Amino acid sequence: MNFSAWAIRKPTPSILLFIMLTVAGLVAFRGLGVQYMPDMDYPAVIVTASLPGAGPEQVEAEVARPIEDSISSIAGVRHVTTTINDGSARIFVDFAVEKNLQIALTDVRDAVTRVRSMLPSDLQEPVVSRVDFSGLAVLTYAVSRARHGRGGPVLVCR
């Protein structure tokens, strides 16, 4: 016997099955945990290197450039951004989303270790760490006030 013919002649079991599945789906949906900001391991690594007493030009030439050159040869690197201050350099390495974070961290550590002998001897040991985006702000507002002519104060959002 054909199942569809039986279901048409006796619709009660099909309707009851549909109602039970609908109720089970609603109960499961209400119990589903929803997170406002889902956890995501974005593959990004920061290298911090300190050379006490050195100026920005010296840190750039003797510390940042050799580390950047070594890191840029790693597969999956999208961007390398360096911030240099008096006596320190922070190198932010952004990887493609497909790259495993642990592998990226290991690759950057290996790259820094490869050039360690070329770096100044008084350089403190470079710190390689992963970037945790879960605690960072998604959006930041800055409000300032500027006076314009006769109209009075104007608020400017940036």
C-alpha atoms as a PDB file:
ATOM      1  CA  MET A   1       0.000   0.000   0.000  1.00  0.00           C
ATOM      2  CA  ASN A   2       1.195   3.495  -0.800  1.00  0.00           C
ATOM      3  CA  PHE A   3       2.096   5.596   2.279  1.00  0.00           C
ATOM      4  CA  SER A   4       0.812   8.854   0.790  1.00  0.00           C
ATOM      5  CA  ALA A   5      -2.564   7.271  -0.060  1.00  0.00           C
ATOM      6  CA  TRP A   6      -2.858   5.973   3.513  1.00  0.00           C
ATOM      7  CA  ALA A   7      -1.911   9.437   4.938  1.00  0.00           C
ATOM      8  CA  ILE A   8      -4.586  11.097   2.778  1.00  0.00           C
ATOM      9  CA  ARG A   9      -7.273   8.637   3.883  1.00  0.00           C
ATOM     10  CA  LYS A  10      -6.274   8.862   7.573  1.00  0.00           C
ATOM     11  CA  PRO A  11      -4.890  12.393   8.179  1.00  0.00           C
ATOM     12  CA  THR A  12      -4.961  12.230  12.002  1.00  0.00           C
ATOM     13  CA  PRO A  13      -1.522  10.535  12.501  1.00  0.00           C
ATOM     14  CA  SER A  14       0.145  12.960  10.069  1.00  0.00           C
ATOM     15  CA  ILE A  15      -1.408  15.988  11.777  1.00  0.00           C
ATOM     16  CA  LEU A  16      -0.420  14.709  15.243  1.00  0.00           C
ATOM     17  CA  LEU A  17       3.157  14.072  14.054  1.00  0.00           C
ATOM     18  CA  PHE A  18       3.297  17.600  12.612  1.00  0.00           C
ATOM     19  CA  ILE A  19       2.010  19.119  15.900  1.00  0.00           C
ATOM     20  CA  MET A  20       4.472  17.071  18.002  1.00  0.00           C
ATOM     21  CA  LEU A  21       7.414  18.102  15.807  1.00  0.00           C
ATOM     22  CA  THR A  22       6.329  21.760  15.963  1.00  0.00           C
ATOM     23  CA  VAL A  23       6.067  21.696  19.764  1.00  0.00           C
ATOM     24  CA  ALA A  24       9.420  19.898  20.085  1.00  0.00           C
ATOM     25  CA  GLY A  25      11.021  22.486  17.783  1.00  0.00           C
ATOM     26  CA  LEU A  26       9.608  25.409  19.786  1.00  0.00           C
ATOM     27  CA  VAL A  27      10.802  23.895  23.086  1.00  0.00           C
ATOM     28  CA  ALA A  28      14.252  23.252  21.628  1.00  0.00           C
ATOM     29  CA  PHE A  29      14.415  26.783  20.195  1.00  0.00           C
ATOM     30  CA  ARG A  30      13.589  28.349  23.570  1.00  0.00           C
ATOM     31  CA  GLY A  31      16.309  26.261  25.219  1.00  0.00           C
ATOM     32  CA  LEU A  32      18.878  27.221  22.593  1.00  0.00           C
ATOM     33  CA  GLY A  33      21.652  29.354  24.067  1.00  0.00           C
ATOM     34  CA  VAL A  34      22.207  32.606  22.209  1.00  0.00           C
ATOM     35  CA  GLN A  35      25.349  34.631  22.696  1.00  0.00           C
ATOM     36  CA  TYR A  36      25.364  38.366  21.995  1.00  0.00           C
ATOM     37  CA  MET A  37      28.925  38.284  20.705  1.00  0.00           C
ATOM     38  CA  PRO A  38      29.940  34.742  19.701  1.00  0.00           C
ATOM     39  CA  ASP A  39      33.416  33.492  20.543  1.00  0.00           C
ATOM     40  CA  MET A  40      35.700  33.586  17.550  1.00  0.00           C
ATOM     41  CA  ASP A  41      39.383  32.831  17.417  1.00  0.00           C
ATOM     42  CA  TYR A  42      40.604  35.424  14.969  1.00  0.00           C
ATOM     43  CA  PRO A  43      44.176  34.530  14.019  1.00  0.00           C
ATOM     44  CA  ALA A  44      46.252  37.525  15.062  1.00  0.00           C
ATOM     45  CA  VAL A  45      49.552  37.626  16.920  1.00  0.00           C
ATOM     46  CA  ILE A  46      51.494  40.460  18.573  1.00  0.00           C
ATOM     47  CA  VAL A  47      55.265  40.569  18.969  1.00  0.00           C
ATOM     48  CA  THR A  48      56.576  43.026  21.572  1.00  0.00           C
ATOM     49  CA  ALA A  49      60.292  43.783  21.591  1.00  0.00           C
ATOM     50  CA  SER A  50      61.989  46.237  23.972  1.00  0.00           C
ATOM     51  CA  LEU A  51      65.386  47.852  23.555  1.00  0.00           C
ATOM     52  CA  PRO A  52      65.763  50.184  26.559  1.00  0.00           C
ATOM     53  CA  GLY A  53      67.330  53.565  25.847  1.00  0.00           C
ATOM     54  CA  ALA A  54      67.067  53.331  22.060  1.00  0.00           C
ATOM     55  CA  GLY A  55      65.371  55.900  19.864  1.00  0.00           C
ATOM     56  CA  PRO A  56      62.616  55.089  17.389  1.00  0.00           C
ATOM     57  CA  GLU A  57      65.000  55.144  14.386  1.00  0.00           C
ATOM     58  CA  GLN A  58      67.355  52.659  16.021  1.00  0.00           C
ATOM     59  CA  VAL A  59      64.469  50.380  17.090  1.00  0.00           C
ATOM     60  CA  GLU A  60      63.105  50.454  13.535  1.00  0.00           C
ATOM     61  CA  ALA A  61      66.413  49.668  11.851  1.00  0.00           C
ATOM     62  CA  GLU A  62      67.843  47.127  14.299  1.00  0.00           C
ATOM     63  CA  VAL A  63      64.742  45.427  15.720  1.00  0.00           C
ATOM     64  CA  ALA A  64      61.517  45.963  13.782  1.00  0.00           C
ATOM     65  CA  ARG A  65      62.761  45.488  10.208  1.00  0.00           C
ATOM     66  CA  PRO A  66      64.536  42.138  10.749  1.00  0.00           C
ATOM     67  CA  ILE A  67      61.529  40.761  12.653  1.00  0.00           C
ATOM     68  CA  GLU A  68      59.076  42.059  10.003  1.00  0.00           C
ATOM     69  CA  ASP A  69      61.138  40.535   7.190  1.00  0.00           C
ATOM     70  CA  SER A  70      61.222  37.171   8.926  1.00  0.00           C
ATOM     71  CA  ILE A  71      57.485  37.218   9.719  1.00  0.00           C
ATOM     72  CA  SER A  72      56.469  38.274   6.200  1.00  0.00           C
ATOM     73  CA  SER A  73      57.719  34.946   4.809  1.00  0.00           C
ATOM     74  CA  ILE A  74      55.123  32.973   6.833  1.00  0.00           C
ATOM     75  CA  ALA A  75      52.275  31.474   4.803  1.00  0.00           C
ATOM     76  CA  GLY A  76      48.858  33.033   5.430  1.00  0.00           C
ATOM     77  CA  VAL A  77      50.039  36.460   6.614  1.00  0.00           C
ATOM     78  CA  ARG A  78      47.616  39.176   5.457  1.00  0.00           C
ATOM     79  CA  HIS A  79      49.005  42.312   7.112  1.00  0.00           C
ATOM     80  CA  VAL A  80      51.941  43.234   9.328  1.00  0.00           C
ATOM     81  CA  THR A  81      51.503  46.495  11.243  1.00  0.00           C
ATOM     82  CA  THR A  82      54.288  47.916  13.379  1.00  0.00           C
ATOM     83  CA  THR A  83      54.097  50.597  16.059  1.00  0.00           C
ATOM     84  CA  ILE A  84      57.430  51.970  17.245  1.00  0.00           C
ATOM     85  CA  ASN A  85      57.957  54.055  20.366  1.00  0.00           C
ATOM     86  CA  ASP A  86      61.046  55.045  22.307  1.00  0.00           C
ATOM     87  CA  GLY A  87      62.741  51.766  23.156  1.00  0.00           C
ATOM     88  CA  SER A  88      59.997  49.396  22.010  1.00  0.00           C
ATOM     89  CA  ALA A  89      58.308  47.955  18.944  1.00  0.00           C
ATOM     90  CA  ARG A  90      54.908  46.254  18.736  1.00  0.00           C
ATOM     91  CA  ILE A  91      54.373  44.175  15.623  1.00  0.00           C
ATOM     92  CA  PHE A  92      50.782  43.138  14.920  1.00  0.00           C
ATOM     93  CA  VAL A  93      50.520  40.173  12.539  1.00  0.00           C
ATOM     94  CA  ASP A  94      47.123  39.569  10.934  1.00  0.00           C
ATOM     95  CA  PHE A  95      46.564  36.139   9.369  1.00  0.00           C
ATOM     96  CA  ALA A  96      43.938  34.817   6.969  1.00  0.00           C
ATOM     97  CA  VAL A  97      40.827  33.592   8.789  1.00  0.00           C
ATOM     98  CA  GLU A  98      41.470  29.991   7.712  1.00  0.00           C
ATOM     99  CA  LYS A  99      44.813  29.888   9.546  1.00  0.00           C
ATOM    100  CA  ASN A 100      44.804  27.957  12.822  1.00  0.00           C
ATOM    101  CA  LEU A 101      45.678  30.327  15.678  1.00  0.00           C
ATOM    102  CA  GLN A 102      48.026  27.886  17.432  1.00  0.00           C
ATOM    103  CA  ILE A 103      49.922  27.193  14.214  1.00  0.00           C
ATOM    104  CA  ALA A 104      50.156  30.944  13.516  1.00  0.00           C
ATOM    105  CA  LEU A 105      51.530  31.549  17.021  1.00  0.00           C
ATOM    106  CA  THR A 106      54.129  28.802  16.591  1.00  0.00           C
ATOM    107  CA  ASP A 107      55.143  30.086  13.144  1.00  0.00           C
ATOM    108  CA  VAL A 108      55.682  33.618  14.478  1.00  0.00           C
ATOM    109  CA  ARG A 109      57.705  32.333  17.450  1.00  0.00           C
ATOM    110  CA  ASP A 110      59.895  30.346  15.045  1.00  0.00           C
ATOM    111  CA  ALA A 111      60.354  33.390  12.801  1.00  0.00           C
ATOM    112  CA  VAL A 112      61.434  35.550  15.748  1.00  0.00           C
ATOM    113  CA  THR A 113      63.807  32.831  16.971  1.00  0.00           C
ATOM    114  CA  ARG A 114      65.411  32.634  13.494  1.00  0.00           C
ATOM    115  CA  VAL A 115      66.413  36.320  13.576  1.00  0.00           C
ATOM    116  CA  ARG A 116      67.234  36.550  17.295  1.00  0.00           C
ATOM    117  CA  SER A 117      70.974  36.260  16.585  1.00  0.00           C
ATOM    118  CA  MET A 118      70.770  39.283  14.214  1.00  0.00           C
ATOM    119  CA  LEU A 119      69.108  41.495  16.841  1.00  0.00           C
ATOM    120  CA  PRO A 120      71.044  43.653  19.348  1.00  0.00           C
ATOM    121  CA  SER A 121      72.415  41.780  22.352  1.00  0.00           C
ATOM    122  CA  ASP A 122      70.856  44.193  24.877  1.00  0.00           C
ATOM    123  CA  LEU A 123      67.373  43.595  23.428  1.00  0.00           C
ATOM    124  CA  GLN A 124      65.031  42.064  25.971  1.00  0.00           C
ATOM    125  CA  GLU A 125      63.590  38.717  24.906  1.00  0.00           C
ATOM    126  CA  PRO A 126      60.748  39.429  22.409  1.00  0.00           C
ATOM    127  CA  VAL A 127      57.305  38.423  23.685  1.00  0.00           C
ATOM    128  CA  VAL A 128      55.051  36.656  21.192  1.00  0.00           C
ATOM    129  CA  SER A 129      51.403  36.425  22.231  1.00  0.00           C
ATOM    130  CA  ARG A 130      48.013  35.883  20.677  1.00  0.00           C
ATOM    131  CA  VAL A 131      45.538  38.716  20.395  1.00  0.00           C
ATOM    132  CA  ASP A 132      42.282  38.164  22.269  1.00  0.00           C
ATOM    133  CA  PHE A 133      39.504  40.175  20.634  1.00  0.00           C
ATOM    134  CA  SER A 134      36.752  39.025  23.004  1.00  0.00           C
ATOM    135  CA  GLY A 135      37.418  41.783  25.537  1.00  0.00           C
ATOM    136  CA  LEU A 136      37.926  44.605  23.062  1.00  0.00           C
ATOM    137  CA  ALA A 137      35.332  47.219  22.183  1.00  0.00           C
ATOM    138  CA  VAL A 138      33.493  46.714  18.927  1.00  0.00           C
ATOM    139  CA  LEU A 139      32.694  50.388  18.451  1.00  0.00           C
ATOM    140  CA  THR A 140      34.002  53.504  20.173  1.00  0.00           C
ATOM    141  CA  TYR A 141      32.430  56.963  20.084  1.00  0.00           C
ATOM    142  CA  ALA A 142      34.248  60.216  20.728  1.00  0.00           C
ATOM    143  CA  VAL A 143      32.203  63.366  21.219  1.00  0.00           C
ATOM    144  CA  SER A 144      33.689  66.836  21.078  1.00  0.00           C
ATOM    145  CA  ARG A 145      32.279  70.320  21.069  1.00  0.00           C
ATOM    146  CA  ALA A 146      33.173  73.031  18.600  1.00  0.00           C
ATOM    147  CA  ARG A 147      31.766  76.568  18.350  1.00  0.00           C
ATOM    148  CA  HIS A 148      30.633  77.680  14.919  1.00  0.00           C
ATOM    149  CA  GLY A 149      29.707  81.321  14.304  1.00  0.00           C
ATOM    150  CA  ARG A 150      26.387  82.582  15.618  1.00  0.00           C
ATOM    151  CA  GLY A 151      24.624  79.229  15.836  1.00  0.00           C
ATOM    152  CA  GLY A 152      26.078  78.280  19.218  1.00  0.00           C
ATOM    153  CA  PRO A 153      27.781  75.002  20.120  1.00  0.00           C
ATOM    154  CA  VAL A 154      27.732  72.086  17.721  1.00  0.00           C
ATOM    155  CA  LEU A 155      28.427  68.505  18.833  1.00  0.00           C
ATOM    156  CA  VAL A 156      30.599  66.457  16.518  1.00  0.00           C
ATOM    157  CA  CYS A 157      30.762  62.639  16.711  1.00  0.00           C
ATOM    158  CA  ARG A 158      33.771  60.807  15.342  1.00  0.00           C
END
